[in-house]
Amino acid sequence: MELGDPSSFLDEECDEDLDLSVNGEHRSFWYNFSTFKQVIEEINNILQRRSEDNNGVARKASVEALENIICFDLTYLTQDNFQLFMLAVYEM
């Protein structure tokens, strides 16, 4: 899957004065990746960082997301992901 430039979508209007640093930064961030695999790897990295967060809600959400990723695709059932998942569950 190739991701394209957001302005290439027909239904999307592009405002040239749009400040991407305010409430749009995250959307534009994902267009920096050229393949679906890169997007998934970045999501995985974000979840790993969140699982080490001091905020209990962020940790719980990341554990649930990691669980969904592991259940969704066995290729993500790596030793690192499994250890991270088990450690996060144990700490809850």
PDB file of N, CA and C in Angstrom:
ATOM      1  N   MET A   1       0.843  -1.168   0.000  1.00  0.00           N
ATOM      2  CA  MET A   1       0.000   0.000   0.000  1.00  0.00           C
ATOM      3  C   MET A   1       0.896   1.241   0.000  1.00  0.00           C
ATOM      4  N   GLU A   2       0.710   2.084  -0.935  1.00  0.00           N
ATOM      5  CA  GLU A   2       1.477   3.325  -1.019  1.00  0.00           C
ATOM      6  C   GLU A   2       0.612   4.481  -0.536  1.00  0.00           C
ATOM      7  N   LEU A   3       1.171   5.283   0.316  1.00  0.00           N
ATOM      8  CA  LEU A   3       0.448   6.460   0.783  1.00  0.00           C
ATOM      9  C   LEU A   3       0.799   7.628  -0.114  1.00  0.00           C
ATOM     10  N   GLY A   4      -0.169   8.440  -0.394  1.00  0.00           N
ATOM     11  CA  GLY A   4       0.063   9.560  -1.302  1.00  0.00           C
ATOM     12  C   GLY A   4       0.034  10.900  -0.617  1.00  0.00           C
ATOM     13  N   ASP A   5       0.235  11.905  -1.398  1.00  0.00           N
ATOM     14  CA  ASP A   5       0.169  13.278  -0.913  1.00  0.00           C
ATOM     15  C   ASP A   5      -1.285  13.594  -0.562  1.00  0.00           C
ATOM     16  N   PRO A   6      -1.535  14.203   0.598  1.00  0.00           N
ATOM     17  CA  PRO A   6      -2.928  14.466   0.983  1.00  0.00           C
ATOM     18  C   PRO A   6      -3.668  15.345  -0.009  1.00  0.00           C
ATOM     19  N   SER A   7      -2.966  16.169  -0.756  1.00  0.00           N
ATOM     20  CA  SER A   7      -3.633  17.047  -1.710  1.00  0.00           C
ATOM     21  C   SER A   7      -4.041  16.310  -2.977  1.00  0.00           C
ATOM     22  N   SER A   8      -3.664  15.028  -3.120  1.00  0.00           N
ATOM     23  CA  SER A   8      -4.013  14.286  -4.327  1.00  0.00           C
ATOM     24  C   SER A   8      -5.414  13.683  -4.256  1.00  0.00           C
ATOM     25  N   PHE A   9      -6.074  13.771  -3.109  1.00  0.00           N
ATOM     26  CA  PHE A   9      -7.425  13.258  -2.993  1.00  0.00           C
ATOM     27  C   PHE A   9      -8.406  14.288  -3.550  1.00  0.00           C
ATOM     28  N   LEU A  10      -9.319  13.821  -4.393  1.00  0.00           N
ATOM     29  CA  LEU A  10     -10.220  14.721  -5.104  1.00  0.00           C
ATOM     30  C   LEU A  10     -11.162  15.476  -4.177  1.00  0.00           C
ATOM     31  N   ASP A  11     -11.660  14.809  -3.138  1.00  0.00           N
ATOM     32  CA  ASP A  11     -12.648  15.436  -2.263  1.00  0.00           C
ATOM     33  C   ASP A  11     -12.030  16.341  -1.202  1.00  0.00           C
ATOM     34  N   GLU A  12     -10.730  16.392  -1.145  1.00  0.00           N
ATOM     35  CA  GLU A  12     -10.084  17.163  -0.089  1.00  0.00           C
ATOM     36  C   GLU A  12      -9.646  18.528  -0.598  1.00  0.00           C
ATOM     37  N   GLU A  13     -10.069  19.554   0.104  1.00  0.00           N
ATOM     38  CA  GLU A  13      -9.627  20.899  -0.237  1.00  0.00           C
ATOM     39  C   GLU A  13      -8.408  21.225   0.602  1.00  0.00           C
ATOM     40  N   CYS A  14      -7.413  21.794  -0.019  1.00  0.00           N
ATOM     41  CA  CYS A  14      -6.184  22.108   0.691  1.00  0.00           C
ATOM     42  C   CYS A  14      -6.091  23.614   0.892  1.00  0.00           C
ATOM     43  N   ASP A  15      -6.034  24.026   2.132  1.00  0.00           N
ATOM     44  CA  ASP A  15      -5.887  25.432   2.467  1.00  0.00           C
ATOM     45  C   ASP A  15      -4.404  25.725   2.644  1.00  0.00           C
ATOM     46  N   GLU A  16      -3.848  26.550   1.793  1.00  0.00           N
ATOM     47  CA  GLU A  16      -2.417  26.840   1.827  1.00  0.00           C
ATOM     48  C   GLU A  16      -1.994  27.542   3.109  1.00  0.00           C
ATOM     49  N   ASP A  17      -2.924  28.217   3.795  1.00  0.00           N
ATOM     50  CA  ASP A  17      -2.594  28.931   5.024  1.00  0.00           C
ATOM     51  C   ASP A  17      -2.755  28.056   6.266  1.00  0.00           C
ATOM     52  N   LEU A  18      -2.981  26.770   6.057  1.00  0.00           N
ATOM     53  CA  LEU A  18      -3.201  25.852   7.164  1.00  0.00           C
ATOM     54  C   LEU A  18      -1.929  25.700   7.991  1.00  0.00           C
ATOM     55  N   ASP A  19      -2.051  25.882   9.300  1.00  0.00           N
ATOM     56  CA  ASP A  19      -0.920  25.708  10.213  1.00  0.00           C
ATOM     57  C   ASP A  19      -0.939  24.266  10.709  1.00  0.00           C
ATOM     58  N   LEU A  20      -0.037  23.437  10.187  1.00  0.00           N
ATOM     59  CA  LEU A  20      -0.038  22.019  10.518  1.00  0.00           C
ATOM     60  C   LEU A  20       0.431  21.742  11.940  1.00  0.00           C
ATOM     61  N   SER A  21       0.956  22.755  12.609  1.00  0.00           N
ATOM     62  CA  SER A  21       1.398  22.537  13.985  1.00  0.00           C
ATOM     63  C   SER A  21       0.233  22.616  14.968  1.00  0.00           C
ATOM     64  N   VAL A  22      -0.919  23.020  14.492  1.00  0.00           N
ATOM     65  CA  VAL A  22      -2.093  23.133  15.354  1.00  0.00           C
ATOM     66  C   VAL A  22      -3.167  22.179  14.859  1.00  0.00           C
ATOM     67  N   ASN A  23      -3.456  21.161  15.658  1.00  0.00           N
ATOM     68  CA  ASN A  23      -4.554  20.231  15.399  1.00  0.00           C
ATOM     69  C   ASN A  23      -4.561  19.649  13.990  1.00  0.00           C
ATOM     70  N   GLY A  24      -3.438  19.346  13.455  1.00  0.00           N
ATOM     71  CA  GLY A  24      -3.352  18.716  12.149  1.00  0.00           C
ATOM     72  C   GLY A  24      -1.988  18.092  11.970  1.00  0.00           C
ATOM     73  N   GLU A  25      -1.161  18.312  12.942  1.00  0.00           N
ATOM     74  CA  GLU A  25       0.205  17.817  12.858  1.00  0.00           C
ATOM     75  C   GLU A  25       0.240  16.301  12.733  1.00  0.00           C
ATOM     76  N   HIS A  26      -0.595  15.634  13.513  1.00  0.00           N
ATOM     77  CA  HIS A  26      -0.550  14.182  13.505  1.00  0.00           C
ATOM     78  C   HIS A  26      -0.947  13.622  12.141  1.00  0.00           C
ATOM     79  N   ARG A  27      -1.926  14.209  11.529  1.00  0.00           N
ATOM     80  CA  ARG A  27      -2.374  13.727  10.221  1.00  0.00           C
ATOM     81  C   ARG A  27      -1.282  13.889   9.179  1.00  0.00           C
ATOM     82  N   SER A  28      -0.642  15.038   9.167  1.00  0.00           N
ATOM     83  CA  SER A  28       0.409  15.261   8.180  1.00  0.00           C
ATOM     84  C   SER A  28       1.623  14.388   8.470  1.00  0.00           C
ATOM     85  N   PHE A  29       1.849  14.059   9.740  1.00  0.00           N
ATOM     86  CA  PHE A  29       2.974  13.211  10.130  1.00  0.00           C
ATOM     87  C   PHE A  29       2.924  11.867   9.426  1.00  0.00           C
ATOM     88  N   TRP A  30       1.727  11.290   9.293  1.00  0.00           N
ATOM     89  CA  TRP A  30       1.611   9.945   8.726  1.00  0.00           C
ATOM     90  C   TRP A  30       1.900   9.917   7.236  1.00  0.00           C
ATOM     91  N   TYR A  31       1.826  11.052   6.560  1.00  0.00           N
ATOM     92  CA  TYR A  31       2.140  11.083   5.132  1.00  0.00           C
ATOM     93  C   TYR A  31       3.642  11.006   4.873  1.00  0.00           C
ATOM     94  N   ASN A  32       4.460  11.082   5.926  1.00  0.00           N
ATOM     95  CA  ASN A  32       5.904  10.957   5.753  1.00  0.00           C
ATOM     96  C   ASN A  32       6.337   9.520   5.496  1.00  0.00           C
ATOM     97  N   PHE A  33       5.461   8.568   5.722  1.00  0.00           N
ATOM     98  CA  PHE A  33       5.788   7.161   5.518  1.00  0.00           C
ATOM     99  C   PHE A  33       5.340   6.735   4.128  1.00  0.00           C
ATOM    100  N   SER A  34       6.167   5.927   3.477  1.00  0.00           N
ATOM    101  CA  SER A  34       5.842   5.548   2.102  1.00  0.00           C
ATOM    102  C   SER A  34       5.203   4.167   2.002  1.00  0.00           C
ATOM    103  N   THR A  35       5.280   3.357   3.049  1.00  0.00           N
ATOM    104  CA  THR A  35       4.687   2.024   2.993  1.00  0.00           C
ATOM    105  C   THR A  35       3.854   1.761   4.240  1.00  0.00           C
ATOM    106  N   PHE A  36       2.949   0.823   4.096  1.00  0.00           N
ATOM    107  CA  PHE A  36       2.101   0.425   5.216  1.00  0.00           C
ATOM    108  C   PHE A  36       2.946  -0.168   6.346  1.00  0.00           C
ATOM    109  N   LYS A  37       3.997  -0.901   5.998  1.00  0.00           N
ATOM    110  CA  LYS A  37       4.879  -1.500   7.001  1.00  0.00           C
ATOM    111  C   LYS A  37       5.527  -0.423   7.875  1.00  0.00           C
ATOM    112  N   GLN A  38       5.952   0.673   7.278  1.00  0.00           N
ATOM    113  CA  GLN A  38       6.552   1.764   8.048  1.00  0.00           C
ATOM    114  C   GLN A  38       5.540   2.382   9.009  1.00  0.00           C
ATOM    115  N   VAL A  39       4.303   2.504   8.571  1.00  0.00           N
ATOM    116  CA  VAL A  39       3.243   3.049   9.431  1.00  0.00           C
ATOM    117  C   VAL A  39       3.029   2.129  10.628  1.00  0.00           C
ATOM    118  N   ILE A  40       2.942   0.820  10.376  1.00  0.00           N
ATOM    119  CA  ILE A  40       2.731  -0.154  11.446  1.00  0.00           C
ATOM    120  C   ILE A  40       3.897  -0.148  12.427  1.00  0.00           C
ATOM    121  N   GLU A  41       5.119  -0.055  11.901  1.00  0.00           N
ATOM    122  CA  GLU A  41       6.289  -0.015  12.781  1.00  0.00           C
ATOM    123  C   GLU A  41       6.266   1.226  13.669  1.00  0.00           C
ATOM    124  N   GLU A  42       5.848   2.359  13.122  1.00  0.00           N
ATOM    125  CA  GLU A  42       5.777   3.583  13.925  1.00  0.00           C
ATOM    126  C   GLU A  42       4.678   3.478  14.984  1.00  0.00           C
ATOM    127  N   ILE A  43       3.546   2.893  14.626  1.00  0.00           N
ATOM    128  CA  ILE A  43       2.478   2.674  15.604  1.00  0.00           C
ATOM    129  C   ILE A  43       2.986   1.787  16.734  1.00  0.00           C
ATOM    130  N   ASN A  44       3.717   0.746  16.371  1.00  0.00           N
ATOM    131  CA  ASN A  44       4.290  -0.156  17.368  1.00  0.00           C
ATOM    132  C   ASN A  44       5.251   0.583  18.293  1.00  0.00           C
ATOM    133  N   ASN A  45       6.078   1.455  17.730  1.00  0.00           N
ATOM    134  CA  ASN A  45       7.017   2.242  18.538  1.00  0.00           C
ATOM    135  C   ASN A  45       6.280   3.166  19.509  1.00  0.00           C
ATOM    136  N   ILE A  46       5.214   3.794  19.024  1.00  0.00           N
ATOM    137  CA  ILE A  46       4.419   4.682  19.878  1.00  0.00           C
ATOM    138  C   ILE A  46       3.809   3.894  21.036  1.00  0.00           C
ATOM    139  N   LEU A  47       3.276   2.712  20.729  1.00  0.00           N
ATOM    140  CA  LEU A  47       2.659   1.896  21.775  1.00  0.00           C
ATOM    141  C   LEU A  47       3.682   1.442  22.806  1.00  0.00           C
ATOM    142  N   GLN A  48       4.878   1.121  22.353  1.00  0.00           N
ATOM    143  CA  GLN A  48       5.920   0.718  23.303  1.00  0.00           C
ATOM    144  C   GLN A  48       6.279   1.871  24.232  1.00  0.00           C
ATOM    145  N   ARG A  49       6.377   3.074  23.671  1.00  0.00           N
ATOM    146  CA  ARG A  49       6.671   4.232  24.526  1.00  0.00           C
ATOM    147  C   ARG A  49       5.540   4.476  25.521  1.00  0.00           C
ATOM    148  N   ARG A  50       4.302   4.336  25.064  1.00  0.00           N
ATOM    149  CA  ARG A  50       3.156   4.575  25.946  1.00  0.00           C
ATOM    150  C   ARG A  50       3.070   3.520  27.052  1.00  0.00           C
ATOM    151  N   SER A  51       3.494   2.298  26.759  1.00  0.00           N
ATOM    152  CA  SER A  51       3.420   1.246  27.778  1.00  0.00           C
ATOM    153  C   SER A  51       4.393   1.506  28.916  1.00  0.00           C
ATOM    154  N   GLU A  52       5.395   2.341  28.685  1.00  0.00           N
ATOM    155  CA  GLU A  52       6.360   2.694  29.726  1.00  0.00           C
ATOM    156  C   GLU A  52       6.011   4.028  30.388  1.00  0.00           C
ATOM    157  N   ASP A  53       4.895   4.612  30.006  1.00  0.00           N
ATOM    158  CA  ASP A  53       4.465   5.908  30.528  1.00  0.00           C
ATOM    159  C   ASP A  53       4.039   5.787  31.996  1.00  0.00           C
ATOM    160  N   ASN A  54       4.184   6.860  32.744  1.00  0.00           N
ATOM    161  CA  ASN A  54       3.760   6.874  34.149  1.00  0.00           C
ATOM    162  C   ASN A  54       2.245   6.972  34.294  1.00  0.00           C
ATOM    163  N   ASN A  55       1.568   7.407  33.244  1.00  0.00           N
ATOM    164  CA  ASN A  55       0.115   7.559  33.261  1.00  0.00           C
ATOM    165  C   ASN A  55      -0.538   6.178  33.128  1.00  0.00           C
ATOM    166  N   GLY A  56      -1.336   5.795  34.126  1.00  0.00           N
ATOM    167  CA  GLY A  56      -1.972   4.480  34.112  1.00  0.00           C
ATOM    168  C   GLY A  56      -2.919   4.274  32.951  1.00  0.00           C
ATOM    169  N   VAL A  57      -3.645   5.309  32.562  1.00  0.00           N
ATOM    170  CA  VAL A  57      -4.590   5.203  31.447  1.00  0.00           C
ATOM    171  C   VAL A  57      -3.834   4.953  30.140  1.00  0.00           C
ATOM    172  N   ALA A  58      -2.735   5.665  29.934  1.00  0.00           N
ATOM    173  CA  ALA A  58      -1.933   5.476  28.718  1.00  0.00           C
ATOM    174  C   ALA A  58      -1.356   4.072  28.673  1.00  0.00           C
ATOM    175  N   ARG A  59      -0.896   3.586  29.826  1.00  0.00           N
ATOM    176  CA  ARG A  59      -0.343   2.229  29.890  1.00  0.00           C
ATOM    177  C   ARG A  59      -1.408   1.195  29.565  1.00  0.00           C
ATOM    178  N   LYS A  60      -2.584   1.354  30.155  1.00  0.00           N
ATOM    179  CA  LYS A  60      -3.664   0.387  29.925  1.00  0.00           C
ATOM    180  C   LYS A  60      -4.088   0.391  28.456  1.00  0.00           C
ATOM    181  N   ALA A  61      -4.215   1.567  27.874  1.00  0.00           N
ATOM    182  CA  ALA A  61      -4.608   1.663  26.464  1.00  0.00           C
ATOM    183  C   ALA A  61      -3.558   1.029  25.561  1.00  0.00           C
ATOM    184  N   SER A  62      -2.288   1.235  25.876  1.00  0.00           N
ATOM    185  CA  SER A  62      -1.241   0.666  25.031  1.00  0.00           C
ATOM    186  C   SER A  62      -1.204  -0.849  25.155  1.00  0.00           C
ATOM    187  N   VAL A  63      -1.460  -1.363  26.350  1.00  0.00           N
ATOM    188  CA  VAL A  63      -1.498  -2.815  26.532  1.00  0.00           C
ATOM    189  C   VAL A  63      -2.638  -3.409  25.714  1.00  0.00           C
ATOM    190  N   GLU A  64      -3.794  -2.772  25.738  1.00  0.00           N
ATOM    191  CA  GLU A  64      -4.926  -3.259  24.945  1.00  0.00           C
ATOM    192  C   GLU A  64      -4.608  -3.206  23.453  1.00  0.00           C
ATOM    193  N   ALA A  65      -3.957  -2.143  23.022  1.00  0.00           N
ATOM    194  CA  ALA A  65      -3.603  -2.026  21.607  1.00  0.00           C
ATOM    195  C   ALA A  65      -2.562  -3.064  21.214  1.00  0.00           C
ATOM    196  N   LEU A  66      -1.560  -3.277  22.065  1.00  0.00           N
ATOM    197  CA  LEU A  66      -0.565  -4.312  21.781  1.00  0.00           C
ATOM    198  C   LEU A  66      -1.219  -5.685  21.714  1.00  0.00           C
ATOM    199  N   GLU A  67      -2.174  -5.926  22.600  1.00  0.00           N
ATOM    200  CA  GLU A  67      -2.895  -7.194  22.584  1.00  0.00           C
ATOM    201  C   GLU A  67      -3.630  -7.372  21.252  1.00  0.00           C
ATOM    202  N   ASN A  68      -4.273  -6.309  20.780  1.00  0.00           N
ATOM    203  CA  ASN A  68      -4.985  -6.377  19.503  1.00  0.00           C
ATOM    204  C   ASN A  68      -4.031  -6.617  18.343  1.00  0.00           C
ATOM    205  N   ILE A  69      -2.858  -5.987  18.379  1.00  0.00           N
ATOM    206  CA  ILE A  69      -1.880  -6.182  17.306  1.00  0.00           C
ATOM    207  C   ILE A  69      -1.379  -7.618  17.303  1.00  0.00           C
ATOM    208  N   ILE A  70      -1.077  -8.136  18.493  1.00  0.00           N
ATOM    209  CA  ILE A  70      -0.581  -9.509  18.585  1.00  0.00           C
ATOM    210  C   ILE A  70      -1.637 -10.484  18.093  1.00  0.00           C
ATOM    211  N   CYS A  71      -2.897 -10.257  18.451  1.00  0.00           N
ATOM    212  CA  CYS A  71      -3.985 -11.135  18.006  1.00  0.00           C
ATOM    213  C   CYS A  71      -4.275 -10.964  16.521  1.00  0.00           C
ATOM    214  N   PHE A  72      -4.069  -9.769  16.004  1.00  0.00           N
ATOM    215  CA  PHE A  72      -4.402  -9.469  14.612  1.00  0.00           C
ATOM    216  C   PHE A  72      -3.446 -10.144  13.637  1.00  0.00           C
ATOM    217  N   ASP A  73      -2.152 -10.138  13.940  1.00  0.00           N
ATOM    218  CA  ASP A  73      -1.168 -10.652  12.998  1.00  0.00           C
ATOM    219  C   ASP A  73      -0.041 -11.321  13.768  1.00  0.00           C
ATOM    220  N   LEU A  74       0.151 -12.598  13.533  1.00  0.00           N
ATOM    221  CA  LEU A  74       1.174 -13.343  14.265  1.00  0.00           C
ATOM    222  C   LEU A  74       2.590 -12.859  13.978  1.00  0.00           C
ATOM    223  N   THR A  75       2.787 -12.125  12.897  1.00  0.00           N
ATOM    224  CA  THR A  75       4.131 -11.621  12.619  1.00  0.00           C
ATOM    225  C   THR A  75       4.559 -10.602  13.664  1.00  0.00           C
ATOM    226  N   TYR A  76       3.594 -10.010  14.369  1.00  0.00           N
ATOM    227  CA  TYR A  76       3.931  -9.052  15.420  1.00  0.00           C
ATOM    228  C   TYR A  76       4.107  -9.726  16.778  1.00  0.00           C
ATOM    229  N   LEU A  77       3.956 -11.037  16.821  1.00  0.00           N
ATOM    230  CA  LEU A  77       4.172 -11.773  18.056  1.00  0.00           C
ATOM    231  C   LEU A  77       5.668 -12.054  18.195  1.00  0.00           C
ATOM    232  N   THR A  78       6.424 -11.000  18.319  1.00  0.00           N
ATOM    233  CA  THR A  78       7.869 -11.126  18.499  1.00  0.00           C
ATOM    234  C   THR A  78       8.169 -11.270  19.986  1.00  0.00           C
ATOM    235  N   GLN A  79       9.357 -11.724  20.277  1.00  0.00           N
ATOM    236  CA  GLN A  79       9.745 -11.882  21.672  1.00  0.00           C
ATOM    237  C   GLN A  79       9.697 -10.543  22.407  1.00  0.00           C
ATOM    238  N   ASP A  80      10.159  -9.482  21.754  1.00  0.00           N
ATOM    239  CA  ASP A  80      10.148  -8.160  22.390  1.00  0.00           C
ATOM    240  C   ASP A  80       8.732  -7.692  22.700  1.00  0.00           C
ATOM    241  N   ASN A  81       7.834  -7.832  21.719  1.00  0.00           N
ATOM    242  CA  ASN A  81       6.447  -7.406  21.938  1.00  0.00           C
ATOM    243  C   ASN A  81       5.783  -8.230  23.036  1.00  0.00           C
ATOM    244  N   PHE A  82       6.046  -9.538  23.029  1.00  0.00           N
ATOM    245  CA  PHE A  82       5.425 -10.404  24.023  1.00  0.00           C
ATOM    246  C   PHE A  82       5.943 -10.080  25.424  1.00  0.00           C
ATOM    247  N   GLN A  83       7.252  -9.852  25.556  1.00  0.00           N
ATOM    248  CA  GLN A  83       7.815  -9.483  26.855  1.00  0.00           C
ATOM    249  C   GLN A  83       7.254  -8.144  27.333  1.00  0.00           C
ATOM    250  N   LEU A  84       7.166  -7.201  26.416  1.00  0.00           N
ATOM    251  CA  LEU A  84       6.612  -5.891  26.757  1.00  0.00           C
ATOM    252  C   LEU A  84       5.168  -6.023  27.228  1.00  0.00           C
ATOM    253  N   PHE A  85       4.389  -6.821  26.504  1.00  0.00           N
ATOM    254  CA  PHE A  85       2.993  -7.037  26.857  1.00  0.00           C
ATOM    255  C   PHE A  85       2.874  -7.685  28.238  1.00  0.00           C
ATOM    256  N   MET A  86       3.651  -8.726  28.482  1.00  0.00           N
ATOM    257  CA  MET A  86       3.575  -9.434  29.755  1.00  0.00           C
ATOM    258  C   MET A  86       4.035  -8.546  30.919  1.00  0.00           C
ATOM    259  N   LEU A  87       5.075  -7.758  30.702  1.00  0.00           N
ATOM    260  CA  LEU A  87       5.555  -6.849  31.742  1.00  0.00           C
ATOM    261  C   LEU A  87       4.498  -5.797  32.082  1.00  0.00           C
ATOM    262  N   ALA A  88       3.873  -5.243  31.041  1.00  0.00           N
ATOM    263  CA  ALA A  88       2.848  -4.217  31.256  1.00  0.00           C
ATOM    264  C   ALA A  88       1.636  -4.794  31.980  1.00  0.00           C
ATOM    265  N   VAL A  89       1.239  -6.008  31.619  1.00  0.00           N
ATOM    266  CA  VAL A  89       0.101  -6.646  32.283  1.00  0.00           C
ATOM    267  C   VAL A  89       0.447  -6.939  33.741  1.00  0.00           C
ATOM    268  N   TYR A  90       1.657  -7.400  33.972  1.00  0.00           N
ATOM    269  CA  TYR A  90       2.083  -7.721  35.340  1.00  0.00           C
ATOM    270  C   TYR A  90       2.077  -6.483  36.231  1.00  0.00           C
ATOM    271  N   GLU A  91       2.482  -5.338  35.663  1.00  0.00           N
ATOM    272  CA  GLU A  91       2.550  -4.102  36.434  1.00  0.00           C
ATOM    273  C   GLU A  91       1.168  -3.523  36.726  1.00  0.00           C
ATOM    274  N   MET A  92       0.149  -3.937  35.968  1.00  0.00           N
ATOM    275  CA  MET A  92      -1.194  -3.420  36.187  1.00  0.00           C
ATOM    276  C   MET A  92      -1.754  -4.119  37.382  1.00  0.00           C
TER     277      MET A  92
END
